[in-house]
């Protein structure tokens, strides 16, 4: 590659692989919750509502920041103020 070439920025390079727009752990949690509601409790409407809201909210949050869920999980584990 010549020295005067500029490589264009690609947003996809900063993203991890996601399933349905969510990180794998959160997507699995959403899918298992929906399956539990629909198959075990026979609440198909509630399962579809949880799927639509969870998928939509998760997709919206990870659209602007692909690492949103990892940052929020780390914020819950780490204390805000370290006291000696």
N, C-alpha and C. Protein backbone atom coordinates (compact mmCIF):
# COMPACT_ATOMS: atom_id res chain seq x y z
N UNK A 1 0.84 -1.16 0.00
CA UNK A 1 0.00 0.00 0.00
C UNK A 1 0.89 1.24 0.00
N UNK A 2 0.68 2.14 -0.94
CA UNK A 2 1.51 3.35 -0.98
C UNK A 2 1.30 4.22 0.26
N UNK A 3 2.28 5.06 0.54
CA UNK A 3 2.24 5.90 1.73
C UNK A 3 1.18 6.99 1.66
N UNK A 4 0.79 7.43 0.48
CA UNK A 4 -0.16 8.53 0.38
C UNK A 4 -1.62 8.08 0.37
N UNK A 5 -1.88 6.80 0.51
CA UNK A 5 -3.25 6.31 0.57
C UNK A 5 -3.81 6.50 1.97
N UNK A 6 -5.08 6.77 2.03
CA UNK A 6 -5.78 6.93 3.31
C UNK A 6 -6.81 5.82 3.43
N UNK A 7 -6.76 5.11 4.52
CA UNK A 7 -7.72 4.04 4.74
C UNK A 7 -8.97 4.65 5.37
N UNK A 8 -10.14 4.51 4.73
CA UNK A 8 -11.35 5.11 5.29
C UNK A 8 -11.77 4.40 6.58
N UNK A 9 -12.34 5.19 7.47
CA UNK A 9 -12.81 4.62 8.72
C UNK A 9 -14.02 3.75 8.45
N UNK A 10 -14.05 2.61 9.11
CA UNK A 10 -15.16 1.69 8.95
C UNK A 10 -15.74 1.42 10.32
N UNK A 11 -17.02 1.74 10.52
CA UNK A 11 -17.65 1.57 11.81
C UNK A 11 -17.71 0.10 12.22
N UNK A 12 -17.79 -0.80 11.27
CA UNK A 12 -17.94 -2.21 11.58
C UNK A 12 -16.69 -2.79 12.24
N UNK A 13 -15.54 -2.15 12.09
CA UNK A 13 -14.33 -2.69 12.68
C UNK A 13 -14.34 -2.59 14.21
N UNK A 14 -15.10 -1.67 14.77
CA UNK A 14 -15.13 -1.46 16.21
C UNK A 14 -16.19 -2.30 16.90
N UNK A 15 -16.95 -3.06 16.16
CA UNK A 15 -18.06 -3.80 16.77
C UNK A 15 -17.71 -5.27 16.94
N UNK A 16 -18.22 -5.83 18.01
CA UNK A 16 -18.10 -7.26 18.24
C UNK A 16 -19.26 -7.96 17.55
N UNK A 17 -19.14 -9.25 17.31
CA UNK A 17 -20.26 -9.95 16.69
C UNK A 17 -21.46 -9.99 17.63
N UNK A 18 -22.62 -9.61 17.12
CA UNK A 18 -23.84 -9.58 17.91
C UNK A 18 -24.88 -10.49 17.28
N UNK A 19 -25.70 -11.08 18.13
CA UNK A 19 -26.83 -11.88 17.68
C UNK A 19 -28.08 -11.04 17.90
N UNK A 20 -28.85 -10.81 16.88
CA UNK A 20 -30.04 -9.94 16.85
C UNK A 20 -29.75 -8.55 17.41
N UNK A 21 -28.55 -8.06 17.21
CA UNK A 21 -28.20 -6.71 17.64
C UNK A 21 -27.78 -6.60 19.09
N UNK A 22 -27.68 -7.70 19.80
CA UNK A 22 -27.30 -7.70 21.21
C UNK A 22 -26.05 -8.55 21.40
N UNK A 23 -25.28 -8.29 22.45
CA UNK A 23 -24.18 -9.21 22.77
C UNK A 23 -24.74 -10.61 23.03
N UNK A 24 -23.91 -11.61 22.84
CA UNK A 24 -24.40 -12.99 22.87
C UNK A 24 -25.07 -13.38 24.18
N UNK A 25 -24.51 -12.96 25.32
CA UNK A 25 -25.11 -13.31 26.61
C UNK A 25 -26.49 -12.70 26.80
N UNK A 26 -26.64 -11.44 26.42
CA UNK A 26 -27.92 -10.77 26.57
C UNK A 26 -28.95 -11.29 25.56
N UNK A 27 -28.50 -11.63 24.37
CA UNK A 27 -29.41 -12.21 23.39
C UNK A 27 -29.90 -13.58 23.87
N UNK A 28 -29.01 -14.37 24.45
CA UNK A 28 -29.42 -15.67 24.98
C UNK A 28 -30.41 -15.51 26.12
N UNK A 29 -30.18 -14.53 26.99
CA UNK A 29 -31.11 -14.28 28.09
C UNK A 29 -32.48 -13.86 27.57
N UNK A 30 -32.52 -13.01 26.56
CA UNK A 30 -33.78 -12.58 25.98
C UNK A 30 -34.51 -13.75 25.32
N UNK A 31 -33.79 -14.55 24.56
CA UNK A 31 -34.41 -15.68 23.88
C UNK A 31 -34.93 -16.70 24.87
N UNK A 32 -34.17 -17.00 25.92
CA UNK A 32 -34.63 -17.97 26.92
C UNK A 32 -35.84 -17.45 27.69
N UNK A 33 -35.88 -16.15 27.97
CA UNK A 33 -37.05 -15.57 28.65
C UNK A 33 -38.29 -15.67 27.78
N UNK A 34 -38.14 -15.37 26.50
CA UNK A 34 -39.28 -15.46 25.58
C UNK A 34 -39.74 -16.90 25.43
N UNK A 35 -38.81 -17.83 25.31
CA UNK A 35 -39.19 -19.23 25.21
C UNK A 35 -39.88 -19.73 26.47
N UNK A 36 -39.41 -19.30 27.64
CA UNK A 36 -40.05 -19.69 28.89
C UNK A 36 -41.49 -19.16 28.96
N UNK A 37 -41.66 -17.90 28.59
CA UNK A 37 -43.01 -17.32 28.62
C UNK A 37 -43.96 -18.01 27.66
N UNK A 38 -43.49 -18.28 26.46
CA UNK A 38 -44.39 -18.81 25.44
C UNK A 38 -44.61 -20.31 25.57
N UNK A 39 -43.59 -21.07 25.88
CA UNK A 39 -43.74 -22.53 25.91
C UNK A 39 -44.19 -23.05 27.27
N UNK A 40 -43.64 -22.53 28.35
CA UNK A 40 -43.98 -23.06 29.67
C UNK A 40 -45.26 -22.43 30.23
N UNK A 41 -45.36 -21.12 30.15
CA UNK A 41 -46.50 -20.43 30.75
C UNK A 41 -47.63 -20.18 29.75
N UNK A 42 -47.40 -20.49 28.48
CA UNK A 42 -48.37 -20.31 27.40
C UNK A 42 -48.88 -18.86 27.31
N UNK A 43 -47.97 -17.93 27.51
CA UNK A 43 -48.27 -16.50 27.39
C UNK A 43 -47.60 -15.98 26.11
N UNK A 44 -48.21 -16.28 24.99
CA UNK A 44 -47.62 -15.94 23.70
C UNK A 44 -47.56 -14.43 23.50
N UNK A 45 -48.61 -13.74 23.87
CA UNK A 45 -48.63 -12.28 23.72
C UNK A 45 -47.57 -11.61 24.56
N UNK A 46 -47.43 -12.06 25.80
CA UNK A 46 -46.40 -11.49 26.67
C UNK A 46 -45.01 -11.80 26.15
N UNK A 47 -44.82 -13.00 25.63
CA UNK A 47 -43.52 -13.36 25.06
C UNK A 47 -43.16 -12.51 23.86
N UNK A 48 -44.13 -12.27 23.00
CA UNK A 48 -43.87 -11.42 21.83
C UNK A 48 -43.60 -9.98 22.24
N UNK A 49 -44.31 -9.51 23.27
CA UNK A 49 -44.09 -8.15 23.75
C UNK A 49 -42.70 -8.00 24.36
N UNK A 50 -42.28 -8.98 25.16
CA UNK A 50 -40.94 -8.95 25.76
C UNK A 50 -39.88 -9.00 24.67
N UNK A 51 -40.10 -9.84 23.66
CA UNK A 51 -39.15 -9.93 22.55
C UNK A 51 -39.04 -8.59 21.81
N UNK A 52 -40.17 -7.99 21.50
CA UNK A 52 -40.15 -6.73 20.75
C UNK A 52 -39.49 -5.61 21.57
N UNK A 53 -39.86 -5.50 22.83
CA UNK A 53 -39.29 -4.42 23.66
C UNK A 53 -37.81 -4.66 23.96
N UNK A 54 -37.45 -5.89 24.31
CA UNK A 54 -36.05 -6.20 24.61
C UNK A 54 -35.15 -6.06 23.40
N UNK A 55 -35.61 -6.55 22.28
CA UNK A 55 -34.83 -6.46 21.05
C UNK A 55 -34.71 -5.00 20.60
N UNK A 56 -35.82 -4.28 20.62
CA UNK A 56 -35.79 -2.90 20.17
C UNK A 56 -34.92 -2.02 21.05
N UNK A 57 -35.07 -2.14 22.37
CA UNK A 57 -34.28 -1.34 23.29
C UNK A 57 -32.79 -1.70 23.20
N UNK A 58 -32.50 -2.99 23.14
CA UNK A 58 -31.11 -3.41 23.04
C UNK A 58 -30.46 -2.97 21.74
N UNK A 59 -31.20 -3.06 20.66
CA UNK A 59 -30.67 -2.62 19.36
C UNK A 59 -30.43 -1.12 19.35
N UNK A 60 -31.34 -0.37 19.97
CA UNK A 60 -31.18 1.08 20.03
C UNK A 60 -29.96 1.46 20.87
N UNK A 61 -29.76 0.81 22.00
CA UNK A 61 -28.64 1.15 22.86
C UNK A 61 -27.30 0.75 22.25
N UNK A 62 -27.23 -0.37 21.57
CA UNK A 62 -25.97 -0.79 20.97
C UNK A 62 -25.73 -0.16 19.60
N UNK A 63 -26.70 0.54 19.05
CA UNK A 63 -26.49 1.21 17.76
C UNK A 63 -25.47 2.34 17.91
N UNK A 64 -25.59 3.12 18.99
CA UNK A 64 -24.68 4.24 19.19
C UNK A 64 -23.42 3.85 19.93
N UNK A 65 -23.48 2.84 20.78
CA UNK A 65 -22.32 2.40 21.54
C UNK A 65 -22.31 0.87 21.58
N UNK A 66 -21.50 0.21 20.75
CA UNK A 66 -21.52 -1.25 20.70
C UNK A 66 -21.10 -1.91 22.00
N UNK A 67 -20.43 -1.19 22.87
CA UNK A 67 -19.97 -1.77 24.13
C UNK A 67 -20.81 -1.31 25.32
N UNK A 68 -22.04 -0.88 25.08
CA UNK A 68 -22.89 -0.34 26.14
C UNK A 68 -23.12 -1.36 27.24
N UNK A 69 -23.48 -2.58 26.89
CA UNK A 69 -23.80 -3.58 27.91
C UNK A 69 -22.58 -3.97 28.73
N UNK A 70 -21.41 -4.04 28.11
CA UNK A 70 -20.20 -4.37 28.85
C UNK A 70 -19.83 -3.25 29.82
N UNK A 71 -19.99 -2.00 29.40
CA UNK A 71 -19.68 -0.86 30.26
C UNK A 71 -20.65 -0.80 31.43
N UNK A 72 -21.94 -1.02 31.19
CA UNK A 72 -22.92 -0.97 32.27
C UNK A 72 -22.71 -2.11 33.26
N UNK A 73 -22.36 -3.30 32.77
CA UNK A 73 -22.09 -4.41 33.69
C UNK A 73 -20.86 -4.14 34.54
N UNK A 74 -19.86 -3.51 33.95
CA UNK A 74 -18.65 -3.17 34.72
C UNK A 74 -18.95 -2.09 35.75
N UNK A 75 -19.83 -1.13 35.42
CA UNK A 75 -20.21 -0.09 36.38
C UNK A 75 -20.93 -0.67 37.59
N UNK A 76 -21.66 -1.74 37.43
CA UNK A 76 -22.35 -2.36 38.56
C UNK A 76 -21.38 -3.09 39.48
N UNK A 77 -20.29 -3.62 38.93
CA UNK A 77 -19.33 -4.40 39.73
C UNK A 77 -18.29 -3.55 40.42
N UNK A 78 -17.91 -2.43 39.84
CA UNK A 78 -16.86 -1.59 40.41
C UNK A 78 -17.44 -0.48 41.27
N UNK A 79 -16.88 -0.23 42.43
CA UNK A 79 -17.39 0.86 43.25
C UNK A 79 -17.04 2.21 42.64
N UNK A 80 -17.88 3.19 42.88
CA UNK A 80 -17.64 4.53 42.35
C UNK A 80 -16.52 5.24 43.10
N UNK A 81 -16.46 5.07 44.42
CA UNK A 81 -15.44 5.74 45.24
C UNK A 81 -14.65 4.66 45.97
N UNK A 82 -13.34 4.71 45.80
CA UNK A 82 -12.48 3.77 46.48
C UNK A 82 -12.02 4.39 47.80
N UNK A 83 -12.40 3.76 48.89
CA UNK A 83 -12.05 4.27 50.23
C UNK A 83 -10.90 3.43 50.76
N UNK A 84 -9.82 4.07 51.22
CA UNK A 84 -8.67 3.28 51.71
C UNK A 84 -8.95 2.60 53.03
